[in-house]
Protein backbone atom coordinates (compact mmCIF):
# COMPACT_ATOMS: atom_id res chain seq x y z
CA MET A 1 -0.03 0.01 0.00
CA PHE A 2 2.69 2.43 0.93
CA GLU A 3 4.87 1.76 -2.19
CA THR A 4 2.06 1.82 -4.80
CA GLY A 5 -0.16 4.45 -2.97
CA GLY A 6 2.71 6.94 -2.90
CA LYS A 7 3.28 6.56 -6.67
CA LEU A 8 -0.36 6.45 -7.82
CA LEU A 9 -2.63 8.48 -5.49
CA LYS A 10 -2.84 12.18 -5.72
CA GLU A 11 -2.19 14.34 -2.62
CA TYR A 12 -3.89 17.67 -2.37
CA ASN A 13 -1.90 20.62 -0.94
CA ASP A 14 -3.28 22.70 1.87
CA ASP A 15 -4.61 25.51 -0.37
CA ALA A 16 -6.50 23.00 -2.53
CA HIS A 17 -7.55 20.76 0.37
CA ASN A 18 -10.84 22.67 0.90
CA GLY A 19 -12.17 20.08 3.36
CA SER A 20 -11.49 16.88 1.55
CA ALA A 21 -9.85 14.08 3.56
CA ARG A 22 -8.56 10.54 3.16
CA GLU A 23 -8.26 7.61 5.40
CA PHE A 24 -6.83 4.12 5.18
CA ASN A 25 -8.10 0.79 6.63
CA GLY A 26 -11.63 2.12 7.52
CA VAL A 27 -14.77 0.11 8.37
CA TYR A 28 -18.19 1.31 7.42
CA THR A 29 -19.66 0.61 10.85
CA ASN A 30 -22.27 3.44 10.49
CA LEU A 31 -24.01 1.58 7.63
CA ALA A 32 -27.72 0.81 8.34
CA ARG A 33 -28.34 -2.85 9.26
CA ASN A 34 -31.35 -3.02 6.97
CA ALA A 35 -29.40 -1.81 3.88
CA SER A 36 -30.75 -4.34 1.25
CA PHE A 37 -27.34 -5.21 -0.20
CA LYS A 38 -25.86 -6.01 3.30
CA ASP A 39 -28.00 -9.08 3.71
CA GLY A 40 -26.22 -10.18 7.00
CA LEU A 41 -22.65 -9.50 5.73
CA PRO A 42 -20.11 -7.85 7.90
CA ALA A 43 -19.43 -4.08 7.59
CA PRO A 44 -17.57 -3.09 4.46
CA GLN A 45 -13.81 -2.73 5.01
CA LEU A 46 -12.12 -0.07 2.86
CA ASP A 47 -8.32 0.05 2.33
CA PHE A 48 -8.55 3.57 1.18
CA PHE A 49 -11.36 6.20 0.74
CA GLU A 50 -11.65 9.92 0.44
CA GLY A 51 -14.47 12.23 1.42
CA VAL A 52 -15.25 15.26 3.64
CA GLU A 53 -14.56 15.51 7.31
CA ARG A 54 -17.52 16.21 9.54
CA ARG A 55 -15.72 19.22 10.97
CA GLU A 56 -16.44 20.98 7.69
CA PHE A 57 -19.87 21.73 9.02
CA ARG A 58 -18.53 23.63 11.98
CA GLN A 59 -20.59 26.78 11.05
CA THR A 60 -23.95 24.89 11.37
CA ARG A 61 -25.36 21.74 13.06
CA ALA A 62 -26.09 20.23 9.62
CA ALA A 63 -23.69 17.29 10.39
CA ASP A 64 -26.10 16.17 13.11
CA ASP A 65 -28.75 15.35 10.59
CA ILE A 66 -26.64 13.54 8.13
CA PRO A 67 -28.24 10.06 7.64
CA ARG A 68 -25.82 7.17 7.65
CA THR A 69 -23.32 8.73 5.42
CA SER A 70 -20.32 8.94 7.85
CA LEU A 71 -18.09 5.89 7.62
CA SER A 72 -17.44 5.20 11.35
CA SER A 73 -18.64 7.69 14.01
CA ASN A 74 -19.89 11.18 14.74
CA GLU A 75 -16.36 12.36 15.62
CA PRO A 76 -15.34 15.65 13.99
CA ASP A 77 -12.66 13.87 11.85
CA SER A 78 -14.92 11.06 10.65
CA ILE A 79 -15.35 11.11 6.91
CA ILE A 80 -18.67 11.61 5.14
CA PHE A 81 -19.88 11.56 1.51
CA PRO A 82 -17.00 9.36 0.17
CA HIS A 83 -17.12 8.95 -3.60
CA ILE A 84 -14.02 6.85 -4.13
CA ALA A 85 -12.55 3.78 -2.37
CA GLY A 86 -9.57 1.45 -3.14
CA ALA A 87 -8.31 -1.99 -2.24
CA TRP A 88 -4.83 -3.53 -2.34
CA LYS A 89 -4.23 -7.27 -2.70
CA GLY A 90 -1.43 -9.68 -2.91
CA PRO A 91 0.54 -10.11 -6.26
CA GLY A 92 -1.41 -12.39 -8.71
CA ARG A 93 -4.11 -13.20 -6.25
CA GLU A 94 -7.22 -11.54 -7.80
CA THR A 95 -10.22 -13.92 -7.38
CA GLU A 96 -13.87 -13.70 -7.94
CA ASP A 97 -14.23 -12.81 -4.21
CA ASP A 98 -12.18 -9.68 -4.89
CA GLN A 99 -14.66 -8.58 -7.52
CA LEU A 100 -17.56 -9.25 -5.11
CA LYS A 101 -15.70 -7.27 -2.26
CA GLN A 102 -15.25 -4.41 -4.76
CA GLY A 103 -18.90 -4.42 -5.60
CA TYR A 104 -19.88 -4.53 -2.04
CA ASN A 105 -17.73 -1.59 -1.16
CA GLY A 106 -18.99 0.38 -4.09
CA ALA A 107 -22.63 -0.37 -3.11
CA ALA A 108 -21.95 0.99 0.31
CA LEU A 109 -20.76 4.32 -1.06
CA VAL A 110 -23.64 4.40 -3.55
CA TYR A 111 -26.06 3.75 -0.59
CA GLY A 112 -24.54 6.65 1.42
CA ARG A 113 -24.95 9.13 -1.51
CA ARG A 114 -28.53 7.93 -2.08
CA GLN A 115 -29.37 8.42 1.61
CA ALA A 116 -28.06 11.97 1.58
CA LEU A 117 -30.07 12.88 -1.53
CA ASP A 118 -33.23 11.22 -0.31
CA HIS A 119 -32.95 13.17 2.94
CA MET A 120 -32.84 16.43 0.99
CA GLY A 121 -35.61 15.45 -1.41
CA ILE A 122 -33.14 15.59 -4.44
CA PRO A 123 -33.80 12.94 -7.18
CA TYR A 124 -31.18 10.43 -7.62
CA VAL A 125 -30.39 10.27 -11.39
CA GLU A 126 -30.84 6.71 -12.24
CA GLY A 127 -28.05 5.02 -14.40
CA HIS A 128 -25.51 7.69 -13.56
CA SER A 129 -22.40 6.47 -11.81
CA HIS A 130 -20.97 9.00 -9.27
CA ILE A 131 -18.94 6.37 -7.29
CA THR A 132 -15.57 5.01 -8.33
CA THR A 133 -13.54 2.22 -6.81
CA PHE A 134 -10.20 0.68 -7.68
CA ASN A 135 -8.01 -2.22 -6.80
CA THR A 136 -4.41 -3.13 -7.49
CA ASP A 137 -1.91 -5.83 -6.73
CA GLY A 138 1.05 -3.56 -7.65
CA THR A 139 0.96 -5.03 -11.22
CA THR A 140 -2.58 -4.36 -12.51
CA LEU A 141 -4.82 -1.40 -11.65
CA ASN A 142 -8.45 -1.90 -12.13
CA LEU A 143 -11.06 0.94 -11.99
CA PHE A 144 -14.87 0.39 -11.51
CA ALA A 145 -17.96 2.59 -11.68
CA HIS A 146 -20.96 2.04 -9.42
CA HIS A 147 -24.60 3.05 -9.27
CA SER A 148 -28.00 1.62 -8.29
CA THR A 149 -31.48 1.35 -9.86
CA PRO A 150 -34.88 0.50 -8.49
CA TYR A 151 -35.89 -3.17 -8.77
CA GLU A 152 -39.47 -3.44 -10.04
CA LYS A 153 -41.39 -6.70 -10.05
CA TRP A 154 -45.08 -7.37 -10.22
CA GLY A 155 -45.74 -3.54 -10.28
CA PHE A 156 -43.90 -2.99 -6.93
CA GLU A 157 -40.68 -1.09 -6.31
CA LEU A 158 -38.48 -3.36 -4.23
CA PRO A 159 -34.95 -2.71 -2.72
CA TYR A 160 -32.42 -1.32 -5.18
CA VAL A 161 -30.13 -3.23 -7.39
CA TYR A 162 -26.42 -2.15 -7.25
CA HIS A 163 -24.42 -2.26 -10.40
CA GLN A 164 -20.66 -2.47 -10.95
CA TYR A 165 -18.96 -1.80 -14.25
CA GLN A 166 -15.25 -2.19 -15.01
CA ILE A 167 -13.92 1.09 -16.54
CA SER A 168 -10.30 -0.16 -17.22
CA SER A 169 -7.74 -2.73 -16.36
CA THR A 170 -4.05 -1.55 -16.91
CA ASN A 171 -0.77 -3.37 -16.40
CA ILE A 172 1.18 -0.62 -14.66
CA ARG A 173 4.46 -2.56 -14.84
CA ASN A 174 4.29 -3.39 -18.54
CA SER A 175 5.55 -0.02 -19.77
CA TYR A 176 5.97 3.55 -18.69
CA GLU A 177 3.24 4.68 -21.02
CA GLU A 178 0.82 2.22 -19.48
CA PHE A 179 1.71 3.34 -16.03
CA LYS A 180 1.06 6.99 -16.99
CA THR A 181 -2.27 5.96 -18.42
CA ALA A 182 -3.45 4.31 -15.14
CA TRP A 183 -1.88 7.08 -13.08
CA ARG A 184 -3.93 9.75 -14.93
CA GLN A 185 -7.08 7.72 -14.85
CA LEU A 186 -6.84 7.16 -11.08
CA ARG A 187 -6.03 10.78 -10.32
CA ASN A 188 -8.92 12.02 -12.58
CA ALA A 189 -11.19 9.74 -10.63
CA GLN A 190 -9.87 11.22 -7.41
CA ASP A 191 -10.56 14.79 -8.62
CA ARG A 192 -14.03 13.82 -9.75
CA ALA A 193 -14.74 12.13 -6.45
CA ARG A 194 -13.49 15.07 -4.51
CA GLU A 195 -15.62 17.41 -6.57
CA GLU A 196 -18.72 15.21 -5.93
CA SER A 197 -18.13 15.02 -2.23
CA LEU A 198 -17.77 18.77 -1.81
CA ASN A 199 -20.84 19.48 -4.00
CA LEU A 200 -22.83 17.12 -1.82
CA ARG A 201 -21.58 18.89 1.34
CA ASP A 202 -22.54 22.23 -0.08
CA GLN A 203 -25.98 21.01 -1.04
CA PHE A 204 -26.45 19.55 2.38
CA GLU A 205 -25.52 22.71 4.28
CA ASP A 206 -27.67 24.84 2.02
CA TYR A 207 -30.62 22.45 2.53
CA TRP A 208 -30.02 22.61 6.30
CA LYS A 209 -29.89 26.38 6.44
CA SER A 210 -33.03 26.79 4.42
């Protein structure tokens, strides 16, 4: 994690930080027990994720009303509204279980975004992926997009279906050009996730004030 993370992940300087934060080895313990995709599984474990710290709402009490979107607790430095998460694994050990774990982690972030929008009465745009996840074993970097759609059967709207699509898979050790491609893709995903997190923070604070 240390070796590949330092080479691949983007670090924002203090001037550009603007409230976004990262964390390693986090557990989504604040996830609602009745989330449909959870189905008795343990809380999602995220090797890496970025979002907004709760302390960003220091001017208001808006953070007190945030529904199940903080990863772990109500502490000021707990992260809310994460839109990107990553996982590291051993060399050459990618299995079907890794793909399932990635889908599970992505679903947790989609769920958190949807909870925040539902709370504010803002429609969730079906079929649009705002959540990105990645995994790497130090050789291959895989990027995924995630979203959810309502599941309709017999005229009833049932719990949501969560979708995962692979965006790319790049061998970052094959050539310098391929490394740069994956490097750009991951950092672009970080920038987009940061923008989504900060926009959701601003929407929530405006909603709370109104």
